[in-house]
C-alpha atoms as a PDB file:
ATOM      1  CA  THR A   1      14.443  -6.024  15.458  1.00  0.00           C
ATOM      2  CA  VAL A   2      18.192  -6.612  15.700  1.00  0.00           C
ATOM      3  CA  PRO A   3      19.136  -4.354  18.666  1.00  0.00           C
ATOM      4  CA  LEU A   4      16.123  -5.533  20.677  1.00  0.00           C
ATOM      5  CA  ALA A   5      16.805  -9.171  19.792  1.00  0.00           C
ATOM      6  CA  ILE A   6      20.445  -8.838  20.861  1.00  0.00           C
ATOM      7  CA  ALA A   7      19.401  -7.303  24.178  1.00  0.00           C
ATOM      8  CA  ALA A   8      16.694  -9.923  24.770  1.00  0.00           C
ATOM      9  CA  GLY A   9      18.922 -12.820  23.686  1.00  0.00           C
ATOM     10  CA  TYR A  10      21.760 -11.652  25.940  1.00  0.00           C
ATOM     11  CA  LEU A  11      19.358 -11.201  28.857  1.00  0.00           C
ATOM     12  CA  LEU A  12      17.951 -14.705  28.419  1.00  0.00           C
ATOM     13  CA  ALA A  13      21.415 -16.259  27.984  1.00  0.00           C
ATOM     14  CA  ARG A  14      23.253 -14.530  30.824  1.00  0.00           C
ATOM     15  CA  ARG A  15      20.770 -13.520  33.504  1.00  0.00           C
ATOM     16  CA  ARG A  16      18.703 -15.495  35.977  1.00  0.00           C
ATOM     17  CA  PHE A  17      15.602 -13.766  37.271  1.00  0.00           C
ATOM     18  CA  TRP A  18      12.174 -14.553  38.595  1.00  0.00           C
ATOM     19  CA  GLY A  19       9.672 -14.969  35.750  1.00  0.00           C
ATOM     20  CA  LYS A  20      12.323 -15.678  33.121  1.00  0.00           C
ATOM     21  CA  SER A  21      10.261 -18.482  31.584  1.00  0.00           C
ATOM     22  CA  VAL A  22       7.248 -16.162  31.336  1.00  0.00           C
ATOM     23  CA  VAL A  23       9.330 -13.476  29.606  1.00  0.00           C
ATOM     24  CA  GLU A  24      10.759 -16.077  27.240  1.00  0.00           C
ATOM     25  CA  SER A  25       7.257 -17.352  26.475  1.00  0.00           C
ATOM     26  CA  LEU A  26       6.052 -13.827  25.707  1.00  0.00           C
ATOM     27  CA  PHE A  27       9.027 -13.250  23.393  1.00  0.00           C
ATOM     28  CA  HIS A  28       8.200 -16.460  21.504  1.00  0.00           C
ATOM     29  CA  LEU A  29       4.429 -15.950  21.388  1.00  0.00           C
ATOM     30  CA  PRO A  30       4.369 -14.509  17.820  1.00  0.00           C
ATOM     31  CA  LEU A  31       6.156 -17.649  16.631  1.00  0.00           C
ATOM     32  CA  VAL A  32       3.345 -19.970  17.710  1.00  0.00           C
ATOM     33  CA  MET A  33       0.294 -17.725  17.277  1.00  0.00           C
ATOM     34  CA  PRO A  34      -1.462 -17.492  13.931  1.00  0.00           C
ATOM     35  CA  PRO A  35      -0.130 -14.380  12.146  1.00  0.00           C
ATOM     36  CA  VAL A  36      -3.619 -12.924  11.748  1.00  0.00           C
ATOM     37  CA  THR A  37      -4.043 -13.133  15.523  1.00  0.00           C
ATOM     38  CA  THR A  38      -0.736 -11.317  15.980  1.00  0.00           C
ATOM     39  CA  GLY A  39      -1.972  -8.584  13.635  1.00  0.00           C
ATOM     40  CA  TYR A  40      -5.258  -8.370  15.507  1.00  0.00           C
ATOM     41  CA  LEU A  41      -3.432  -8.013  18.839  1.00  0.00           C
ATOM     42  CA  LEU A  42      -1.264  -5.270  17.336  1.00  0.00           C
ATOM     43  CA  LEU A  43      -4.443  -3.569  16.166  1.00  0.00           C
ATOM     44  CA  LEU A  44      -5.899  -3.823  19.682  1.00  0.00           C
ATOM     45  CA  LEU A  45      -2.678  -2.424  21.153  1.00  0.00           C
ATOM     46  CA  LEU A  46      -1.836   0.330  18.649  1.00  0.00           C
ATOM     47  CA  GLY A  47      -5.065   0.988  16.753  1.00  0.00           C
ATOM     48  CA  SER A  48      -6.671   4.448  16.862  1.00  0.00           C
ATOM     49  CA  ARG A  49      -9.364   3.216  19.263  1.00  0.00           C
ATOM     50  CA  SER A  50      -6.943   1.611  21.719  1.00  0.00           C
ATOM     51  CA  PRO A  51      -5.724   3.572  24.747  1.00  0.00           C
ATOM     52  CA  LEU A  52      -2.089   3.623  23.555  1.00  0.00           C
ATOM     53  CA  GLY A  53      -2.838   4.182  19.853  1.00  0.00           C
ATOM     54  CA  GLY A  54      -5.469   6.808  20.635  1.00  0.00           C
ATOM     55  CA  TRP A  55      -3.065   8.643  22.920  1.00  0.00           C
ATOM     56  CA  LEU A  56      -0.289   8.601  20.295  1.00  0.00           C
ATOM     57  CA  GLU A  57      -2.696   9.988  17.717  1.00  0.00           C
ATOM     58  CA  SER A  58      -4.193  12.724  19.914  1.00  0.00           C
ATOM     59  CA  ALA A  59      -0.963  13.788  21.654  1.00  0.00           C
ATOM     60  CA  PHE A  60       1.530  13.559  18.799  1.00  0.00           C
ATOM     61  CA  GLY A  61      -0.543  13.072  15.633  1.00  0.00           C
ATOM     62  CA  ILE A  62       1.026   9.644  15.137  1.00  0.00           C
ATOM     63  CA  ARG A  63      -1.359   7.175  13.487  1.00  0.00           C
ATOM     64  CA  ILE A  64       0.162   3.712  13.408  1.00  0.00           C
ATOM     65  CA  ALA A  65      -2.520   1.275  12.287  1.00  0.00           C
ATOM     66  CA  PHE A  66      -3.044   1.036   8.512  1.00  0.00           C
ATOM     67  CA  SER A  67       0.156   2.918   7.753  1.00  0.00           C
ATOM     68  CA  TYR A  68       3.611   2.119   6.408  1.00  0.00           C
ATOM     69  CA  THR A  69       4.819   2.038  10.027  1.00  0.00           C
ATOM     70  CA  ALA A  70       2.280  -0.685  10.804  1.00  0.00           C
ATOM     71  CA  ALA A  71       3.720  -2.876   8.055  1.00  0.00           C
ATOM     72  CA  ILE A  72       7.196  -2.458   9.553  1.00  0.00           C
ATOM     73  CA  ILE A  73       5.965  -3.195  13.075  1.00  0.00           C
ATOM     74  CA  ALA A  74       4.074  -6.295  11.922  1.00  0.00           C
ATOM     75  CA  ALA A  75       7.152  -7.637  10.134  1.00  0.00           C
ATOM     76  CA  ALA A  76       9.361  -6.879  13.138  1.00  0.00           C
ATOM     77  CA  VAL A  77       7.008  -8.527  15.640  1.00  0.00           C
ATOM     78  CA  VAL A  78       6.609 -11.788  13.709  1.00  0.00           C
ATOM     79  CA  SER A  79      10.342 -12.062  13.014  1.00  0.00           C
ATOM     80  CA  PHE A  80      11.507 -11.107  16.515  1.00  0.00           C
ATOM     81  CA  PRO A  81      11.290 -14.602  18.069  1.00  0.00           C
ATOM     82  CA  LEU A  82      13.549 -16.100  15.410  1.00  0.00           C
ATOM     83  CA  ALA A  83      16.216 -13.469  16.000  1.00  0.00           C
ATOM     84  CA  VAL A  84      15.983 -13.844  19.787  1.00  0.00           C
ATOM     85  CA  ARG A  85      16.372 -17.625  19.600  1.00  0.00           C
ATOM     86  CA  ALA A  86      19.468 -17.366  17.412  1.00  0.00           C
ATOM     87  CA  VAL A  87      21.053 -14.633  19.544  1.00  0.00           C
ATOM     88  CA  ARG A  88      20.354 -16.510  22.773  1.00  0.00           C
ATOM     89  CA  THR A  89      21.929 -19.692  21.407  1.00  0.00           C
ATOM     90  CA  ALA A  90      24.945 -17.751  20.122  1.00  0.00           C
ATOM     91  CA  MET A  91      25.408 -15.956  23.457  1.00  0.00           C
ATOM     92  CA  GLU A  92      25.134 -19.225  25.388  1.00  0.00           C
ATOM     93  CA  MET A  93      27.991 -20.592  23.285  1.00  0.00           C
ATOM     94  CA  VAL A  94      30.318 -17.755  24.337  1.00  0.00           C
ATOM     95  CA  ASP A  95      32.514 -18.967  27.209  1.00  0.00           C
ATOM     96  CA  PRO A  96      31.572 -16.984  30.345  1.00  0.00           C
ATOM     97  CA  GLY A  97      35.179 -17.439  31.493  1.00  0.00           C
ATOM     98  CA  LEU A  98      36.338 -15.132  28.705  1.00  0.00           C
ATOM     99  CA  GLU A  99      33.904 -12.476  29.838  1.00  0.00           C
ATOM    100  CA  GLU A 100      35.002 -12.940  33.433  1.00  0.00           C
ATOM    101  CA  ALA A 101      38.686 -12.651  32.441  1.00  0.00           C
ATOM    102  CA  SER A 102      37.912  -9.408  30.621  1.00  0.00           C
ATOM    103  CA  ARG A 103      36.162  -8.035  33.691  1.00  0.00           C
ATOM    104  CA  LEU A 104      39.034  -9.109  35.959  1.00  0.00           C
ATOM    105  CA  LEU A 105      41.449  -7.267  33.687  1.00  0.00           C
ATOM    106  CA  GLY A 106      39.484  -4.062  34.267  1.00  0.00           C
ATOM    107  CA  ALA A 107      37.071  -3.875  31.356  1.00  0.00           C
ATOM    108  CA  SER A 108      33.572  -2.626  32.088  1.00  0.00           C
ATOM    109  CA  ARG A 109      30.517  -4.777  31.415  1.00  0.00           C
ATOM    110  CA  LEU A 110      29.727  -2.727  28.330  1.00  0.00           C
ATOM    111  CA  LYS A 111      33.275  -2.926  26.992  1.00  0.00           C
ATOM    112  CA  THR A 112      33.324  -6.685  27.662  1.00  0.00           C
ATOM    113  CA  PHE A 113      30.046  -7.059  25.801  1.00  0.00           C
ATOM    114  CA  PHE A 114      31.234  -5.161  22.716  1.00  0.00           C
ATOM    115  CA  ARG A 115      34.798  -6.512  22.645  1.00  0.00           C
ATOM    116  CA  ILE A 116      34.292 -10.140  23.746  1.00  0.00           C
ATOM    117  CA  SER A 117      30.678 -11.351  23.753  1.00  0.00           C
ATOM    118  CA  LEU A 118      29.357  -9.675  20.623  1.00  0.00           C
ATOM    119  CA  PRO A 119      32.250 -10.583  18.284  1.00  0.00           C
ATOM    120  CA  LEU A 120      32.260 -14.210  19.448  1.00  0.00           C
ATOM    121  CA  ALA A 121      28.488 -14.496  19.026  1.00  0.00           C
ATOM    122  CA  LEU A 122      28.434 -12.624  15.693  1.00  0.00           C
ATOM    123  CA  PRO A 123      28.051 -15.663  13.375  1.00  0.00           C
ATOM    124  CA  GLY A 124      24.952 -16.792  15.300  1.00  0.00           C
ATOM    125  CA  ILE A 125      23.591 -13.259  15.392  1.00  0.00           C
ATOM    126  CA  VAL A 126      24.039 -12.891  11.623  1.00  0.00           C
ATOM    127  CA  SER A 127      22.196 -16.163  11.013  1.00  0.00           C
ATOM    128  CA  GLY A 128      19.377 -14.944  13.270  1.00  0.00           C
ATOM    129  CA  VAL A 129      19.194 -11.654  11.384  1.00  0.00           C
ATOM    130  CA  ILE A 130      19.010 -13.477   8.045  1.00  0.00           C
ATOM    131  CA  LEU A 131      16.326 -15.812   9.368  1.00  0.00           C
ATOM    132  CA  ALA A 132      14.311 -12.914  10.802  1.00  0.00           C
ATOM    133  CA  PHE A 133      14.625 -10.942   7.561  1.00  0.00           C
ATOM    134  CA  ALA A 134      13.456 -13.909   5.510  1.00  0.00           C
ATOM    135  CA  ARG A 135      10.488 -14.400   7.839  1.00  0.00           C
ATOM    136  CA  SER A 136       9.538 -10.743   7.615  1.00  0.00           C
ATOM    137  CA  LEU A 137       9.595 -10.867   3.799  1.00  0.00           C
ATOM    138  CA  GLY A 138       7.037 -13.651   3.797  1.00  0.00           C
ATOM    139  CA  GLU A 139       4.744 -12.102   6.386  1.00  0.00           C
ATOM    140  CA  PHE A 140       1.143 -11.826   5.241  1.00  0.00           C
ATOM    141  CA  GLY A 141      -1.358 -12.379   8.059  1.00  0.00           C
ATOM    142  CA  ALA A 142      -0.226  -9.773  10.580  1.00  0.00           C
ATOM    143  CA  THR A 143       0.500  -7.261   7.825  1.00  0.00           C
ATOM    144  CA  ILE A 144      -2.890  -7.525   6.133  1.00  0.00           C
ATOM    145  CA  THR A 145      -4.659  -7.289   9.508  1.00  0.00           C
ATOM    146  CA  PHE A 146      -2.633  -4.454  11.048  1.00  0.00           C
ATOM    147  CA  ALA A 147      -1.395  -2.475   8.023  1.00  0.00           C
ATOM    148  CA  GLY A 148      -3.984  -3.357   5.398  1.00  0.00           C
ATOM    149  CA  ASN A 149      -3.367  -3.443   1.672  1.00  0.00           C
ATOM    150  CA  ILE A 150      -3.429   0.221   0.688  1.00  0.00           C
ATOM    151  CA  GLU A 151      -1.887   0.776  -2.738  1.00  0.00           C
ATOM    152  CA  GLY A 152       1.136   3.033  -2.581  1.00  0.00           C
ATOM    153  CA  GLU A 153       1.276   3.010   1.203  1.00  0.00           C
ATOM    154  CA  THR A 154       1.011  -0.388   2.887  1.00  0.00           C
ATOM    155  CA  ARG A 155       1.028  -2.849   0.008  1.00  0.00           C
ATOM    156  CA  VAL A 156       3.974  -5.199   0.423  1.00  0.00           C
ATOM    157  CA  LEU A 157       5.207  -8.053  -1.748  1.00  0.00           C
ATOM    158  CA  THR A 158       3.036 -10.746  -0.182  1.00  0.00           C
ATOM    159  CA  THR A 159      -0.171  -8.714  -0.309  1.00  0.00           C
ATOM    160  CA  ALA A 160       0.566  -7.657  -3.903  1.00  0.00           C
ATOM    161  CA  ILE A 161       1.036 -11.295  -4.934  1.00  0.00           C
ATOM    162  CA  VAL A 162      -2.286 -12.288  -3.369  1.00  0.00           C
ATOM    163  CA  LEU A 163      -4.063  -9.375  -5.058  1.00  0.00           C
ATOM    164  CA  GLU A 164      -2.590 -10.146  -8.459  1.00  0.00           C
ATOM    165  CA  THR A 165      -3.310 -13.889  -8.275  1.00  0.00           C
ATOM    166  CA  ARG A 166      -6.931 -13.118  -7.367  1.00  0.00           C
ATOM    167  CA  LYS A 167      -7.136 -11.100 -10.580  1.00  0.00           C
ATOM    168  CA  GLY A 168      -5.675 -14.035 -12.479  1.00  0.00           C
ATOM    169  CA  ASN A 169      -2.341 -12.332 -13.097  1.00  0.00           C
ATOM    170  CA  PHE A 170       0.162 -15.054 -12.365  1.00  0.00           C
ATOM    171  CA  ALA A 171       3.121 -13.211 -13.898  1.00  0.00           C
ATOM    172  CA  LEU A 172       3.989 -10.122 -11.897  1.00  0.00           C
END
């Protein structure tokens, strides 16, 4: 999530483009949708019967839905908006004049990003990463829908807790 969130947050903070509000809304969609719906949409997009998921399975033998990879994708998708919001806010707080001065002194855009923007925004990025990680740990709905609850493969902490409490085992 982190590299994509940094790219998306920087894009939203520093660039103006047509459809920016639509892109921002799409990035934040998993934050406002019910997690089960997010899992269902992931299943529709990457399941074995979907065009993309079916192609990945037939062409490369990659089965995503109901696998360990699906649990990772579900956690990443639901936590992504939180990381993007934190990165965007952190990048907006970096003075564009410092970036401009770096560019005027001959640094490339990439060098300016890694030497000026990223270090100055790092505290906000770290808080976004922590927030996203915490959100992914508590993810249940998208994980159970997209990855399932297969013992030894896709069972994560939240699904294990639900399973054990259903059995009446309140002490894990």
